[in-house]
Amino acid sequence: METDHKPRLTALLVAGRRTGADPLAAHFGVEDKALIAVAGEPMLSRVARVLADHPQVARTIVLAQTPERLLAHPGTAWMASDTRIGVLAGGDSVSAAVAAALETHGDAWPFLVTTADNVLLDAATLSTFIAGARTRGTDVAVGLVPRAVFARAYPDARRTWLKFRGGAYSGANLFFLARPAALSAVRFWQRVESERKKVRAIARAFGPVLLLGYLVRAMRIEGALARAGVRIGVTAAPVLLDRPEACIDVDTVEDHAIAGAILAGRIPHPATFSG
């Protein structure tokens, strides 16, 4: 349980458009991916509501090229008048938008970063992640779901897995930036962002020692993040989450169908699974 003396955080909700046409947005007939409806509500609205309602979040800032247009949609209009929610325009990429927000709101540390397509985010997952990140005490903490946790609930669903000694992990689109030192990690992120789904390319950016360790799976995830942090000048640690849905973001039509079924209750919560 969070204690009162710990500062409330600022949530950065990334909702920008890709460069060029977004095939998923086009499939659902909207201009912006963040406005795709899942279970009857735009993804942006659903995630913003979870963040704004959480007791540990002091303010939520929507990052997008034209955030005012996003908030003009009927399904997100409530956000424009909610004093807990602000906007920041600009940024040609996710990392550029986050870097600009950290610099613009330099008195609002710590920060949590997530994305509008993280549509299955809920208060319990958010609380677990924040508590875990604060317990780690590092400059940066990254939310991850172990493959073993995910496979028990969704054995046929596909994810991108980072494979290390002791297990494989998928990202939960949750990042905790505890203090200004974390800005150097965001700057590094800008250099590798275009390769975020190509795990070997990311490893090359971290140097030969980490690359070799990744290829032969000689490192555990904790050690790999710690060494990567040293390379870029921060301390870093994972926060492993036991909720399989935490790594389901909506990148494909298949993801959309899975997320919609979960939210509509057609796929039961993992607590009801046996084994």
C-alpha atoms as a PDB file:
ATOM      1  CA  MET A   1       0.000   0.000   0.000  1.00  0.00           C
ATOM      2  CA  GLU A   2       1.301   3.468  -0.923  1.00  0.00           C
ATOM      3  CA  THR A   3       2.076   5.786   1.950  1.00  0.00           C
ATOM      4  CA  ASP A   4       1.041   9.427   2.074  1.00  0.00           C
ATOM      5  CA  HIS A   5       4.573  10.868   2.073  1.00  0.00           C
ATOM      6  CA  LYS A   6       5.367   9.521  -1.385  1.00  0.00           C
ATOM      7  CA  PRO A   7       4.738  12.119  -4.082  1.00  0.00           C
ATOM      8  CA  ARG A   8       1.883  11.593  -6.471  1.00  0.00           C
ATOM      9  CA  LEU A   9       3.039  11.166 -10.016  1.00  0.00           C
ATOM     10  CA  THR A  10       2.367  12.701 -13.408  1.00  0.00           C
ATOM     11  CA  ALA A  11       1.075  10.317 -16.063  1.00  0.00           C
ATOM     12  CA  LEU A  12       2.114  10.864 -19.667  1.00  0.00           C
ATOM     13  CA  LEU A  13      -0.453   9.300 -21.979  1.00  0.00           C
ATOM     14  CA  VAL A  14       1.045   8.887 -25.443  1.00  0.00           C
ATOM     15  CA  ALA A  15      -1.628   9.154 -28.141  1.00  0.00           C
ATOM     16  CA  GLY A  16       0.180  10.482 -31.210  1.00  0.00           C
ATOM     17  CA  ARG A  17      -0.230   9.352 -34.784  1.00  0.00           C
ATOM     18  CA  ARG A  18       2.275   7.321 -36.742  1.00  0.00           C
ATOM     19  CA  THR A  19       4.073   8.928 -39.643  1.00  0.00           C
ATOM     20  CA  GLY A  20       2.032   8.105 -42.722  1.00  0.00           C
ATOM     21  CA  ALA A  21      -1.139   6.049 -42.794  1.00  0.00           C
ATOM     22  CA  ASP A  22      -1.971   3.864 -39.807  1.00  0.00           C
ATOM     23  CA  PRO A  23      -3.406   0.603 -41.149  1.00  0.00           C
ATOM     24  CA  LEU A  24      -5.270  -0.234 -37.939  1.00  0.00           C
ATOM     25  CA  ALA A  25      -6.916   3.195 -37.783  1.00  0.00           C
ATOM     26  CA  ALA A  26      -7.844   2.887 -41.458  1.00  0.00           C
ATOM     27  CA  HIS A  27      -9.335  -0.553 -40.831  1.00  0.00           C
ATOM     28  CA  PHE A  28     -11.672   0.900 -38.203  1.00  0.00           C
ATOM     29  CA  GLY A  29     -12.468   4.032 -40.194  1.00  0.00           C
ATOM     30  CA  VAL A  30     -10.833   6.644 -37.955  1.00  0.00           C
ATOM     31  CA  GLU A  31      -7.924   9.014 -38.536  1.00  0.00           C
ATOM     32  CA  ASP A  32      -6.228   8.387 -35.197  1.00  0.00           C
ATOM     33  CA  LYS A  33      -5.497   5.001 -33.699  1.00  0.00           C
ATOM     34  CA  ALA A  34      -6.187   6.393 -30.208  1.00  0.00           C
ATOM     35  CA  LEU A  35      -9.829   6.939 -31.195  1.00  0.00           C
ATOM     36  CA  ILE A  36     -10.504   3.324 -32.156  1.00  0.00           C
ATOM     37  CA  ALA A  37     -13.372   2.095 -30.009  1.00  0.00           C
ATOM     38  CA  VAL A  38     -12.918  -1.064 -27.948  1.00  0.00           C
ATOM     39  CA  ALA A  39     -16.026  -2.356 -26.196  1.00  0.00           C
ATOM     40  CA  GLY A  40     -17.838   0.848 -27.158  1.00  0.00           C
ATOM     41  CA  GLU A  41     -15.338   3.433 -25.878  1.00  0.00           C
ATOM     42  CA  PRO A  42     -12.346   5.069 -27.593  1.00  0.00           C
ATOM     43  CA  MET A  43      -9.089   3.612 -26.338  1.00  0.00           C
ATOM     44  CA  LEU A  44      -7.811   7.046 -25.348  1.00  0.00           C
ATOM     45  CA  SER A  45     -10.849   7.700 -23.162  1.00  0.00           C
ATOM     46  CA  ARG A  46     -10.638   4.328 -21.453  1.00  0.00           C
ATOM     47  CA  VAL A  47      -6.963   4.623 -20.519  1.00  0.00           C
ATOM     48  CA  ALA A  48      -7.295   8.290 -19.511  1.00  0.00           C
ATOM     49  CA  ARG A  49     -10.129   7.418 -17.156  1.00  0.00           C
ATOM     50  CA  VAL A  50      -8.045   4.753 -15.384  1.00  0.00           C
ATOM     51  CA  LEU A  51      -5.147   7.164 -14.961  1.00  0.00           C
ATOM     52  CA  ALA A  52      -7.203  10.169 -13.866  1.00  0.00           C
ATOM     53  CA  ASP A  53      -9.151   8.143 -11.303  1.00  0.00           C
ATOM     54  CA  HIS A  54      -6.079   6.561  -9.720  1.00  0.00           C
ATOM     55  CA  PRO A  55      -5.217   8.044  -6.292  1.00  0.00           C
ATOM     56  CA  GLN A  56      -1.480   8.028  -7.013  1.00  0.00           C
ATOM     57  CA  VAL A  57      -1.825  10.076 -10.224  1.00  0.00           C
ATOM     58  CA  ALA A  58      -1.886  13.839  -9.668  1.00  0.00           C
ATOM     59  CA  ARG A  59      -2.269  14.795 -13.324  1.00  0.00           C
ATOM     60  CA  THR A  60      -2.533  13.104 -16.714  1.00  0.00           C
ATOM     61  CA  ILE A  61      -1.027  14.768 -19.784  1.00  0.00           C
ATOM     62  CA  VAL A  62      -2.057  13.595 -23.246  1.00  0.00           C
ATOM     63  CA  LEU A  63       0.830  13.709 -25.721  1.00  0.00           C
ATOM     64  CA  ALA A  64      -0.070  13.938 -29.407  1.00  0.00           C
ATOM     65  CA  GLN A  65       0.629  16.000 -32.496  1.00  0.00           C
ATOM     66  CA  THR A  66      -2.837  17.607 -32.287  1.00  0.00           C
ATOM     67  CA  PRO A  67      -4.325  16.624 -28.907  1.00  0.00           C
ATOM     68  CA  GLU A  68      -7.159  19.146 -29.142  1.00  0.00           C
ATOM     69  CA  ARG A  69      -8.538  17.260 -32.129  1.00  0.00           C
ATOM     70  CA  LEU A  70      -8.458  14.005 -30.186  1.00  0.00           C
ATOM     71  CA  LEU A  71     -10.417  15.581 -27.352  1.00  0.00           C
ATOM     72  CA  ALA A  72     -13.016  16.970 -29.752  1.00  0.00           C
ATOM     73  CA  HIS A  73     -14.308  13.459 -30.450  1.00  0.00           C
ATOM     74  CA  PRO A  74     -17.673  12.699 -28.774  1.00  0.00           C
ATOM     75  CA  GLY A  75     -16.168   9.781 -26.912  1.00  0.00           C
ATOM     76  CA  THR A  76     -13.319  11.819 -25.442  1.00  0.00           C
ATOM     77  CA  ALA A  77     -14.982  15.225 -25.003  1.00  0.00           C
ATOM     78  CA  TRP A  78     -15.242  14.741 -21.236  1.00  0.00           C
ATOM     79  CA  MET A  79     -11.438  14.936 -21.045  1.00  0.00           C
ATOM     80  CA  ALA A  80     -11.321  18.519 -22.345  1.00  0.00           C
ATOM     81  CA  SER A  81     -13.179  19.826 -19.302  1.00  0.00           C
ATOM     82  CA  ASP A  82     -11.592  17.550 -16.700  1.00  0.00           C
ATOM     83  CA  THR A  83      -9.098  19.561 -14.656  1.00  0.00           C
ATOM     84  CA  ARG A  84      -7.081  16.421 -13.921  1.00  0.00           C
ATOM     85  CA  ILE A  85      -6.160  16.125 -17.604  1.00  0.00           C
ATOM     86  CA  GLY A  86      -3.920  18.365 -19.712  1.00  0.00           C
ATOM     87  CA  VAL A  87      -2.447  18.174 -23.191  1.00  0.00           C
ATOM     88  CA  LEU A  88       0.907  18.799 -24.811  1.00  0.00           C
ATOM     89  CA  ALA A  89       1.226  19.083 -28.578  1.00  0.00           C
ATOM     90  CA  GLY A  90       4.244  18.118 -30.645  1.00  0.00           C
ATOM     91  CA  GLY A  91       6.810  15.383 -30.975  1.00  0.00           C
ATOM     92  CA  ASP A  92       7.590  13.475 -34.155  1.00  0.00           C
ATOM     93  CA  SER A  93       7.919  10.236 -32.199  1.00  0.00           C
ATOM     94  CA  VAL A  94       6.914   8.746 -28.858  1.00  0.00           C
ATOM     95  CA  SER A  95      10.328   9.358 -27.335  1.00  0.00           C
ATOM     96  CA  ALA A  96      10.481  12.943 -28.631  1.00  0.00           C
ATOM     97  CA  ALA A  97       7.054  13.670 -27.153  1.00  0.00           C
ATOM     98  CA  VAL A  98       8.041  12.182 -23.793  1.00  0.00           C
ATOM     99  CA  ALA A  99      11.334  14.094 -23.742  1.00  0.00           C
ATOM    100  CA  ALA A 100       9.489  17.344 -24.455  1.00  0.00           C
ATOM    101  CA  ALA A 101       7.018  16.643 -21.650  1.00  0.00           C
ATOM    102  CA  LEU A 102       9.779  15.939 -19.128  1.00  0.00           C
ATOM    103  CA  GLU A 103      11.466  19.206 -20.026  1.00  0.00           C
ATOM    104  CA  THR A 104       8.237  21.212 -20.065  1.00  0.00           C
ATOM    105  CA  HIS A 105       7.016  19.843 -16.732  1.00  0.00           C
ATOM    106  CA  GLY A 106      10.337  19.635 -14.933  1.00  0.00           C
ATOM    107  CA  ASP A 107       8.721  20.181 -11.519  1.00  0.00           C
ATOM    108  CA  ALA A 108       6.289  17.256 -11.854  1.00  0.00           C
ATOM    109  CA  TRP A 109       8.500  14.247 -11.100  1.00  0.00           C
ATOM    110  CA  PRO A 110       8.042  11.312 -10.866  1.00  0.00           C
ATOM    111  CA  PHE A 111       6.448  10.372 -14.194  1.00  0.00           C
ATOM    112  CA  LEU A 112       4.609   7.324 -15.440  1.00  0.00           C
ATOM    113  CA  VAL A 113       4.459   6.742 -19.188  1.00  0.00           C
ATOM    114  CA  THR A 114       1.878   4.618 -20.977  1.00  0.00           C
ATOM    115  CA  THR A 115       0.048   4.556 -24.301  1.00  0.00           C
ATOM    116  CA  ALA A 116      -3.510   4.986 -25.512  1.00  0.00           C
ATOM    117  CA  ASP A 117      -3.552   1.463 -26.934  1.00  0.00           C
ATOM    118  CA  ASN A 118      -2.868   0.010 -23.464  1.00  0.00           C
ATOM    119  CA  VAL A 119      -6.612  -0.446 -23.285  1.00  0.00           C
ATOM    120  CA  LEU A 120      -6.693  -3.248 -20.701  1.00  0.00           C
ATOM    121  CA  LEU A 121      -4.867  -1.185 -18.094  1.00  0.00           C
ATOM    122  CA  ASP A 122      -6.766  -1.203 -14.817  1.00  0.00           C
ATOM    123  CA  ALA A 123      -6.335   0.299 -11.367  1.00  0.00           C
ATOM    124  CA  ALA A 124      -4.979  -2.892  -9.817  1.00  0.00           C
ATOM    125  CA  THR A 125      -2.258  -3.292 -12.445  1.00  0.00           C
ATOM    126  CA  LEU A 126      -1.366   0.368 -12.135  1.00  0.00           C
ATOM    127  CA  SER A 127      -1.092   0.113  -8.348  1.00  0.00           C
ATOM    128  CA  THR A 128       1.068  -3.004  -8.583  1.00  0.00           C
ATOM    129  CA  PHE A 129       3.380  -1.383 -11.087  1.00  0.00           C
ATOM    130  CA  ILE A 130       3.766   1.885  -9.174  1.00  0.00           C
ATOM    131  CA  ALA A 131       4.430   0.069  -5.899  1.00  0.00           C
ATOM    132  CA  GLY A 132       6.958  -2.224  -7.589  1.00  0.00           C
ATOM    133  CA  ALA A 133       8.740   0.657  -9.278  1.00  0.00           C
ATOM    134  CA  ARG A 134       9.027   2.613  -6.057  1.00  0.00           C
ATOM    135  CA  THR A 135      10.306  -0.425  -4.224  1.00  0.00           C
ATOM    136  CA  ARG A 136      13.045  -0.895  -6.848  1.00  0.00           C
ATOM    137  CA  GLY A 137      14.191   2.682  -6.254  1.00  0.00           C
ATOM    138  CA  THR A 138      15.847   2.969  -9.686  1.00  0.00           C
ATOM    139  CA  ASP A 139      15.810   5.929 -12.054  1.00  0.00           C
ATOM    140  CA  VAL A 140      13.782   3.880 -14.551  1.00  0.00           C
ATOM    141  CA  ALA A 141      11.481   0.905 -14.068  1.00  0.00           C
ATOM    142  CA  VAL A 142       9.878  -1.088 -16.874  1.00  0.00           C
ATOM    143  CA  GLY A 143       6.704  -3.159 -16.628  1.00  0.00           C
ATOM    144  CA  LEU A 144       7.008  -6.677 -18.062  1.00  0.00           C
ATOM    145  CA  VAL A 145       4.835  -9.786 -18.154  1.00  0.00           C
ATOM    146  CA  PRO A 146       6.536 -13.213 -18.011  1.00  0.00           C
ATOM    147  CA  ARG A 147       5.597 -15.518 -20.887  1.00  0.00           C
ATOM    148  CA  ALA A 148       4.674 -18.251 -18.419  1.00  0.00           C
ATOM    149  CA  VAL A 149       2.033 -15.962 -16.892  1.00  0.00           C
ATOM    150  CA  PHE A 150       0.621 -14.984 -20.281  1.00  0.00           C
ATOM    151  CA  ALA A 151       0.629 -18.467 -21.796  1.00  0.00           C
ATOM    152  CA  ARG A 152      -1.448 -19.935 -18.989  1.00  0.00           C
ATOM    153  CA  ALA A 153      -4.300 -17.575 -19.808  1.00  0.00           C
ATOM    154  CA  TYR A 154      -3.884 -17.038 -23.559  1.00  0.00           C
ATOM    155  CA  PRO A 155      -1.913 -19.962 -25.016  1.00  0.00           C
ATOM    156  CA  ASP A 156      -2.790 -19.148 -28.638  1.00  0.00           C
ATOM    157  CA  ALA A 157      -2.293 -15.361 -28.595  1.00  0.00           C
ATOM    158  CA  ARG A 158       0.842 -13.916 -30.148  1.00  0.00           C
ATOM    159  CA  ARG A 159       3.162 -11.422 -28.464  1.00  0.00           C
ATOM    160  CA  THR A 160       6.683 -10.098 -29.006  1.00  0.00           C
ATOM    161  CA  TRP A 161       8.965 -11.813 -26.491  1.00  0.00           C
ATOM    162  CA  LEU A 162      12.339 -10.744 -25.113  1.00  0.00           C
ATOM    163  CA  LYS A 163      14.187 -13.926 -24.205  1.00  0.00           C
ATOM    164  CA  PHE A 164      16.606 -14.058 -21.289  1.00  0.00           C
ATOM    165  CA  ARG A 165      18.055 -16.653 -18.985  1.00  0.00           C
ATOM    166  CA  GLY A 166      15.228 -17.778 -16.741  1.00  0.00           C
ATOM    167  CA  GLY A 167      12.378 -16.679 -18.960  1.00  0.00           C
ATOM    168  CA  ALA A 168      10.912 -14.570 -21.735  1.00  0.00           C
ATOM    169  CA  TYR A 169       9.020 -11.322 -21.223  1.00  0.00           C
ATOM    170  CA  SER A 170       6.682  -8.998 -23.085  1.00  0.00           C
ATOM    171  CA  GLY A 171       6.374  -5.287 -22.434  1.00  0.00           C
ATOM    172  CA  ALA A 172       3.377  -3.862 -20.586  1.00  0.00           C
ATOM    173  CA  ASN A 173       3.700  -0.323 -21.996  1.00  0.00           C
ATOM    174  CA  LEU A 174       4.345   0.943 -18.476  1.00  0.00           C
ATOM    175  CA  PHE A 175       7.437   2.976 -17.616  1.00  0.00           C
ATOM    176  CA  PHE A 176       8.262   4.716 -14.336  1.00  0.00           C
ATOM    177  CA  LEU A 177      10.677   7.634 -14.514  1.00  0.00           C
ATOM    178  CA  ALA A 178      11.612   8.467 -10.951  1.00  0.00           C
ATOM    179  CA  ARG A 179      13.922  11.473 -11.275  1.00  0.00           C
ATOM    180  CA  PRO A 180      15.569  13.772 -13.846  1.00  0.00           C
ATOM    181  CA  ALA A 181      18.408  11.315 -14.451  1.00  0.00           C
ATOM    182  CA  ALA A 182      15.856   9.255 -16.376  1.00  0.00           C
ATOM    183  CA  LEU A 183      15.887  11.826 -19.171  1.00  0.00           C
ATOM    184  CA  SER A 184      19.130  10.304 -20.480  1.00  0.00           C
ATOM    185  CA  ALA A 185      17.275   7.019 -20.961  1.00  0.00           C
ATOM    186  CA  VAL A 186      14.582   8.818 -22.954  1.00  0.00           C
ATOM    187  CA  ARG A 187      17.255  10.385 -25.147  1.00  0.00           C
ATOM    188  CA  PHE A 188      18.709   6.935 -25.780  1.00  0.00           C
ATOM    189  CA  TRP A 189      15.204   5.670 -26.526  1.00  0.00           C
ATOM    190  CA  GLN A 190      14.977   8.264 -29.304  1.00  0.00           C
ATOM    191  CA  ARG A 191      17.951   6.651 -31.005  1.00  0.00           C
ATOM    192  CA  VAL A 192      16.542   3.120 -30.970  1.00  0.00           C
ATOM    193  CA  GLU A 193      12.798   3.766 -31.140  1.00  0.00           C
ATOM    194  CA  SER A 194      12.419   2.782 -34.776  1.00  0.00           C
ATOM    195  CA  GLU A 195      13.822  -0.660 -33.912  1.00  0.00           C
ATOM    196  CA  ARG A 196      11.665  -1.277 -30.846  1.00  0.00           C
ATOM    197  CA  LYS A 197      10.181  -4.538 -32.223  1.00  0.00           C
ATOM    198  CA  LYS A 198      13.591  -5.827 -33.419  1.00  0.00           C
ATOM    199  CA  VAL A 199      15.130  -7.126 -30.248  1.00  0.00           C
ATOM    200  CA  ARG A 200      18.561  -7.870 -31.740  1.00  0.00           C
ATOM    201  CA  ALA A 201      18.834  -4.364 -33.146  1.00  0.00           C
ATOM    202  CA  ILE A 202      18.103  -2.997 -29.688  1.00  0.00           C
ATOM    203  CA  ALA A 203      20.764  -5.261 -28.195  1.00  0.00           C
ATOM    204  CA  ARG A 204      23.327  -3.992 -30.743  1.00  0.00           C
ATOM    205  CA  ALA A 205      22.604  -0.443 -29.611  1.00  0.00           C
ATOM    206  CA  PHE A 206      23.544  -1.461 -26.077  1.00  0.00           C
ATOM    207  CA  GLY A 207      26.946  -2.792 -27.155  1.00  0.00           C
ATOM    208  CA  PRO A 208      28.739  -6.117 -27.762  1.00  0.00           C
ATOM    209  CA  VAL A 209      28.735  -7.411 -24.196  1.00  0.00           C
ATOM    210  CA  LEU A 210      25.009  -7.070 -23.800  1.00  0.00           C
ATOM    211  CA  LEU A 211      24.470  -8.340 -27.353  1.00  0.00           C
ATOM    212  CA  LEU A 212      26.448 -11.493 -26.675  1.00  0.00           C
ATOM    213  CA  GLY A 213      24.681 -12.003 -23.365  1.00  0.00           C
ATOM    214  CA  TYR A 214      21.322 -11.664 -25.080  1.00  0.00           C
ATOM    215  CA  LEU A 215      22.170 -13.994 -27.969  1.00  0.00           C
ATOM    216  CA  VAL A 216      23.355 -16.811 -25.698  1.00  0.00           C
ATOM    217  CA  ARG A 217      20.747 -15.980 -23.050  1.00  0.00           C
ATOM    218  CA  ALA A 218      23.428 -15.696 -20.407  1.00  0.00           C
ATOM    219  CA  MET A 219      21.758 -12.869 -18.499  1.00  0.00           C
ATOM    220  CA  ARG A 220      18.617 -12.651 -16.471  1.00  0.00           C
ATOM    221  CA  ILE A 221      16.334  -9.732 -17.202  1.00  0.00           C
ATOM    222  CA  GLU A 222      17.311  -7.967 -13.957  1.00  0.00           C
ATOM    223  CA  GLY A 223      21.009  -8.090 -14.795  1.00  0.00           C
ATOM    224  CA  ALA A 224      20.452  -7.092 -18.401  1.00  0.00           C
ATOM    225  CA  LEU A 225      18.487  -3.980 -17.467  1.00  0.00           C
ATOM    226  CA  ALA A 226      20.997  -3.040 -14.787  1.00  0.00           C
ATOM    227  CA  ARG A 227      23.909  -3.312 -17.242  1.00  0.00           C
ATOM    228  CA  ALA A 228      21.987  -1.475 -19.932  1.00  0.00           C
ATOM    229  CA  GLY A 229      21.316   1.282 -17.443  1.00  0.00           C
ATOM    230  CA  VAL A 230      24.998   1.621 -16.663  1.00  0.00           C
ATOM    231  CA  ARG A 231      25.707   2.015 -20.371  1.00  0.00           C
ATOM    232  CA  ILE A 232      23.309   4.950 -20.713  1.00  0.00           C
ATOM    233  CA  GLY A 233      23.891   6.496 -17.299  1.00  0.00           C
ATOM    234  CA  VAL A 234      20.825   5.440 -15.294  1.00  0.00           C
ATOM    235  CA  THR A 235      19.787   2.781 -12.847  1.00  0.00           C
ATOM    236  CA  ALA A 236      17.076   0.510 -14.251  1.00  0.00           C
ATOM    237  CA  ALA A 237      15.039  -2.492 -13.143  1.00  0.00           C
ATOM    238  CA  PRO A 238      12.060  -4.546 -14.282  1.00  0.00           C
ATOM    239  CA  VAL A 239       8.730  -4.775 -12.526  1.00  0.00           C
ATOM    240  CA  LEU A 240       7.266  -8.190 -13.290  1.00  0.00           C
ATOM    241  CA  LEU A 241       3.480  -8.221 -13.443  1.00  0.00           C
ATOM    242  CA  ASP A 242       1.306 -11.239 -12.790  1.00  0.00           C
ATOM    243  CA  ARG A 243      -1.713 -10.038 -14.777  1.00  0.00           C
ATOM    244  CA  PRO A 244      -1.448 -11.488 -18.304  1.00  0.00           C
ATOM    245  CA  GLU A 245      -3.618  -8.775 -19.858  1.00  0.00           C
ATOM    246  CA  ALA A 246      -0.986  -6.187 -18.935  1.00  0.00           C
ATOM    247  CA  CYS A 247       0.970  -7.004 -22.104  1.00  0.00           C
ATOM    248  CA  ILE A 248      -2.009  -6.922 -24.482  1.00  0.00           C
ATOM    249  CA  ASP A 249      -1.996  -3.623 -26.307  1.00  0.00           C
ATOM    250  CA  VAL A 250      -3.977  -3.056 -29.484  1.00  0.00           C
ATOM    251  CA  ASP A 251      -1.585  -3.170 -32.434  1.00  0.00           C
ATOM    252  CA  THR A 252      -3.527  -5.528 -34.707  1.00  0.00           C
ATOM    253  CA  VAL A 253      -7.091  -6.505 -35.560  1.00  0.00           C
ATOM    254  CA  GLU A 254      -6.497  -9.713 -33.593  1.00  0.00           C
ATOM    255  CA  ASP A 255      -5.427  -7.697 -30.536  1.00  0.00           C
ATOM    256  CA  HIS A 256      -8.562  -5.581 -30.892  1.00  0.00           C
ATOM    257  CA  ALA A 257     -10.769  -8.672 -30.927  1.00  0.00           C
ATOM    258  CA  ILE A 258      -9.048 -10.132 -27.853  1.00  0.00           C
ATOM    259  CA  ALA A 259      -9.223  -6.857 -25.907  1.00  0.00           C
ATOM    260  CA  GLY A 260     -12.860  -6.344 -26.826  1.00  0.00           C
ATOM    261  CA  ALA A 261     -13.776  -9.855 -25.742  1.00  0.00           C
ATOM    262  CA  ILE A 262     -11.975  -9.434 -22.415  1.00  0.00           C
ATOM    263  CA  LEU A 263     -13.667  -6.112 -21.690  1.00  0.00           C
ATOM    264  CA  ALA A 264     -17.055  -7.483 -22.695  1.00  0.00           C
ATOM    265  CA  GLY A 265     -16.551 -10.483 -20.414  1.00  0.00           C
ATOM    266  CA  ARG A 266     -16.586 -13.034 -23.223  1.00  0.00           C
ATOM    267  CA  ILE A 267     -13.104 -14.163 -22.160  1.00  0.00           C
ATOM    268  CA  PRO A 268     -13.048 -14.832 -18.404  1.00  0.00           C
ATOM    269  CA  HIS A 269     -10.570 -13.217 -16.065  1.00  0.00           C
ATOM    270  CA  PRO A 270      -7.512 -15.472 -15.477  1.00  0.00           C
ATOM    271  CA  ALA A 271      -8.642 -15.955 -11.875  1.00  0.00           C
ATOM    272  CA  THR A 272     -11.328 -18.241 -13.268  1.00  0.00           C
ATOM    273  CA  PHE A 273      -8.828 -20.383 -15.182  1.00  0.00           C
ATOM    274  CA  SER A 274      -7.700 -23.637 -13.620  1.00  0.00           C
ATOM    275  CA  GLY A 275      -4.040 -24.617 -13.459  1.00  0.00           C
END
